[in-house]
Amino acid sequence: MLTVIVFTGLTGFVYPLAVTGFAQLAMHDDAEGDPDLLGRASETVDYFWSRPSATSPDPYNGAASSGSNLGPLSETLVANVQRRVDALCAANVALNLECGAPPVDLVTASASGLDPHISPEAAHYQAARIARARGVERQSVDDLIAAGTEGRTFGLFGAPRVNVSILNRALDVLAPKKAVGE
């Protein structure tokens, strides 16, 4: 019985308090959570689109985090990818732009289903659409992407990536959306 009480105290109180204290000291800005660490649904022509969320029907729901678990031969996966390709193409065609083949990360969900990052290639794929919708030069949008590109973690792990939430905020600073009627 004493062992149960001791381990309950250690694992239920001491360890969580120590981890919380360390997080508050070492990573104060992120310790309470950071909304930029979760993707957001946005499919308007004047914003960058994130990776699709696997947490349907409630996109980017942190309580439902998981991958889609659909294999490469799944008819559902093929239909989902085609629907996403069609949506990207329709957004481009609406602004008289060519479709082109989108990068795979724009049409497939991440392992968590909540990832806020896309590849620089996926961001550049969307740059012409956003520049046209915002009325700015394509080079200005490409410069935003370059400035927002994060390298590999510790120079070794992962791939270069761009946080869509941060990129969309920078886009609003570069070229604020006009109110209806302006």
Protein backbone atom coordinates (compact mmCIF):
# COMPACT_ATOMS: atom_id res chain seq x y z
CA MET A 1 0.00 0.00 0.00
CA LEU A 2 2.88 2.35 0.78
CA THR A 3 4.29 1.75 -2.71
CA VAL A 4 0.98 2.80 -4.29
CA ILE A 5 0.89 6.00 -2.24
CA VAL A 6 4.52 6.86 -3.04
CA PHE A 7 4.14 6.24 -6.78
CA THR A 8 0.83 8.10 -6.89
CA GLY A 9 2.56 11.07 -5.30
CA LEU A 10 5.54 10.87 -7.65
CA THR A 11 3.70 10.27 -10.91
CA GLY A 12 0.53 12.18 -10.10
CA PHE A 13 1.97 15.28 -8.45
CA VAL A 14 5.76 15.63 -8.37
CA TYR A 15 6.47 14.72 -12.01
CA PRO A 16 3.68 16.89 -13.54
CA LEU A 17 4.71 19.86 -11.39
CA ALA A 18 8.38 19.42 -12.35
CA VAL A 19 7.57 19.21 -16.08
CA THR A 20 5.23 22.20 -15.89
CA GLY A 21 7.83 24.21 -13.98
CA PHE A 22 10.53 23.34 -16.50
CA ALA A 23 8.25 24.29 -19.40
CA GLN A 24 7.41 27.64 -17.80
CA LEU A 25 11.09 28.42 -17.25
CA ALA A 26 12.62 27.05 -20.45
CA MET A 27 9.84 27.73 -22.98
CA HIS A 28 7.62 30.34 -21.38
CA ASP A 29 6.07 31.60 -24.65
CA ASP A 30 4.98 28.11 -25.73
CA ALA A 31 4.26 26.52 -22.34
CA GLU A 32 0.60 27.53 -22.30
CA GLY A 33 0.07 26.35 -25.85
CA ASP A 34 0.64 28.09 -29.14
CA PRO A 35 -2.13 28.40 -31.73
CA ASP A 36 0.51 28.45 -34.46
CA LEU A 37 1.26 24.80 -33.69
CA LEU A 38 -2.14 23.67 -35.04
CA GLY A 39 -3.31 23.97 -38.60
CA ARG A 40 -6.41 25.95 -39.49
CA ALA A 41 -8.93 25.41 -42.23
CA SER A 42 -8.81 28.12 -44.88
CA GLU A 43 -9.83 27.63 -48.46
CA THR A 44 -10.31 31.17 -49.67
CA VAL A 45 -8.33 32.22 -52.74
CA ASP A 46 -6.46 35.01 -50.93
CA TYR A 47 -4.86 32.88 -48.20
CA PHE A 48 -2.42 30.00 -48.16
CA TRP A 49 -4.09 26.65 -47.64
CA SER A 50 -2.79 24.20 -45.04
CA ARG A 51 -2.51 20.48 -45.45
CA PRO A 52 -5.92 18.83 -45.30
CA SER A 53 -7.00 17.74 -41.84
CA ALA A 54 -7.63 14.07 -41.13
CA THR A 55 -9.99 14.97 -38.28
CA SER A 56 -13.13 15.20 -40.41
CA PRO A 57 -15.90 16.16 -40.07
CA ASP A 58 -14.45 18.67 -37.58
CA PRO A 59 -11.19 19.87 -39.22
CA TYR A 60 -8.16 20.54 -37.01
CA ASN A 61 -9.87 19.25 -33.87
CA GLY A 62 -7.06 18.63 -31.37
CA ALA A 63 -9.17 16.16 -29.41
CA ALA A 64 -9.45 13.96 -32.50
CA SER A 65 -5.81 14.01 -33.58
CA SER A 66 -4.86 11.10 -35.79
CA GLY A 67 -3.90 10.22 -39.30
CA SER A 68 -6.49 9.06 -41.77
CA ASN A 69 -5.29 5.42 -41.69
CA LEU A 70 -6.19 5.12 -45.36
CA GLY A 71 -3.76 3.02 -47.37
CA PRO A 72 -2.47 3.81 -50.86
CA LEU A 73 -5.00 1.44 -52.46
CA SER A 74 -7.97 2.89 -50.56
CA GLU A 75 -10.72 4.16 -52.86
CA THR A 76 -11.66 6.68 -50.16
CA LEU A 77 -8.12 8.10 -50.13
CA VAL A 78 -8.09 8.35 -53.93
CA ALA A 79 -11.47 10.14 -53.88
CA ASN A 80 -10.31 12.52 -51.11
CA VAL A 81 -7.12 13.39 -52.98
CA GLN A 82 -9.03 13.98 -56.22
CA ARG A 83 -11.52 16.24 -54.41
CA ARG A 84 -8.62 18.27 -52.98
CA VAL A 85 -6.89 18.50 -56.37
CA ASP A 86 -10.18 19.70 -57.89
CA ALA A 87 -10.60 22.37 -55.17
CA LEU A 88 -7.05 23.69 -55.71
CA CYS A 89 -7.59 23.73 -59.47
CA ALA A 90 -10.94 25.53 -59.13
CA ALA A 91 -9.32 28.23 -56.98
CA ASN A 92 -6.67 28.80 -59.67
CA VAL A 93 -9.15 28.72 -62.57
CA ALA A 94 -11.35 31.27 -60.78
CA LEU A 95 -8.44 33.71 -61.12
CA ASN A 96 -7.56 32.69 -64.70
CA LEU A 97 -4.49 30.72 -63.63
CA GLU A 98 -3.37 27.28 -64.76
CA CYS A 99 -3.92 24.31 -62.47
CA GLY A 100 -0.72 22.32 -62.60
CA ALA A 101 -0.11 19.30 -60.39
CA PRO A 102 -0.15 20.31 -56.70
CA PRO A 103 2.55 19.06 -54.32
CA VAL A 104 1.50 15.94 -52.45
CA ASP A 105 1.35 17.68 -49.06
CA LEU A 106 -1.47 19.95 -50.27
CA VAL A 107 -3.71 16.97 -51.01
CA THR A 108 -2.81 14.48 -48.25
CA ALA A 109 -3.19 14.83 -44.48
CA SER A 110 -0.23 14.69 -42.11
CA ALA A 111 0.22 11.86 -39.61
CA SER A 112 -1.37 13.92 -36.83
CA GLY A 113 -4.04 15.48 -39.02
CA LEU A 114 -3.27 18.83 -37.35
CA ASP A 115 -0.01 19.94 -38.96
CA PRO A 116 0.23 23.72 -39.60
CA HIS A 117 3.22 23.32 -41.93
CA ILE A 118 3.49 22.85 -45.67
CA SER A 119 6.55 22.45 -47.84
CA PRO A 120 8.05 25.54 -49.47
CA GLU A 121 7.04 23.93 -52.78
CA ALA A 122 3.40 23.81 -51.65
CA ALA A 123 3.58 27.47 -50.65
CA HIS A 124 5.13 28.49 -53.98
CA TYR A 125 2.44 26.48 -55.81
CA GLN A 126 -0.13 28.82 -54.23
CA ALA A 127 1.85 32.05 -54.65
CA ALA A 128 0.46 33.07 -58.06
CA ARG A 129 -3.13 32.61 -56.86
CA ILE A 130 -2.54 34.66 -53.73
CA ALA A 131 -0.64 37.41 -55.55
CA ARG A 132 -3.46 37.74 -58.09
CA ALA A 133 -6.18 37.68 -55.39
CA ARG A 134 -4.36 40.27 -53.25
CA GLY A 135 -3.24 42.47 -56.14
CA VAL A 136 0.46 42.26 -55.29
CA GLU A 137 3.53 41.15 -57.22
CA ARG A 138 4.26 37.43 -57.22
CA GLN A 139 7.83 38.20 -56.10
CA SER A 140 6.51 39.83 -52.90
CA VAL A 141 4.64 36.63 -52.03
CA ASP A 142 7.69 34.50 -52.90
CA ASP A 143 9.80 36.72 -50.61
CA LEU A 144 7.32 36.13 -47.75
CA ILE A 145 7.61 32.39 -48.31
CA ALA A 146 11.42 32.54 -48.31
CA ALA A 147 11.44 34.61 -45.11
CA GLY A 148 9.01 32.20 -43.41
CA THR A 149 10.75 28.98 -44.42
CA GLU A 150 12.10 27.04 -41.44
CA GLY A 151 15.06 24.73 -42.00
CA ARG A 152 15.57 21.20 -40.76
CA THR A 153 15.39 20.80 -36.98
CA PHE A 154 18.96 20.88 -35.63
CA GLY A 155 20.04 20.88 -39.28
CA LEU A 156 19.30 17.14 -39.49
CA PHE A 157 15.68 16.19 -38.88
CA GLY A 158 12.63 16.72 -41.03
CA ALA A 159 12.37 18.81 -44.15
CA PRO A 160 12.22 22.56 -44.75
CA ARG A 161 8.72 23.82 -43.98
CA VAL A 162 6.54 26.91 -43.78
CA ASN A 163 4.00 27.55 -41.01
CA VAL A 164 0.78 28.52 -42.81
CA SER A 165 -0.70 30.42 -39.83
CA ILE A 166 2.36 32.65 -39.53
CA LEU A 167 2.59 33.04 -43.31
CA ASN A 168 -1.05 34.16 -43.57
CA ARG A 169 -0.53 36.77 -40.83
CA ALA A 170 2.54 38.09 -42.67
CA LEU A 171 0.44 38.19 -45.84
CA ASP A 172 -2.17 40.35 -44.08
CA VAL A 173 0.60 42.79 -43.12
CA LEU A 174 2.01 42.84 -46.67
CA ALA A 175 -1.35 43.24 -48.38
CA PRO A 176 -4.30 43.76 -46.03
CA LYS A 177 -7.61 42.44 -47.29
CA LYS A 178 -9.92 45.18 -48.45
CA ALA A 179 -13.32 45.51 -46.83
CA VAL A 180 -16.31 44.87 -49.06
CA GLY A 181 -17.04 47.97 -51.13
CA GLU A 182 -13.52 49.47 -50.96
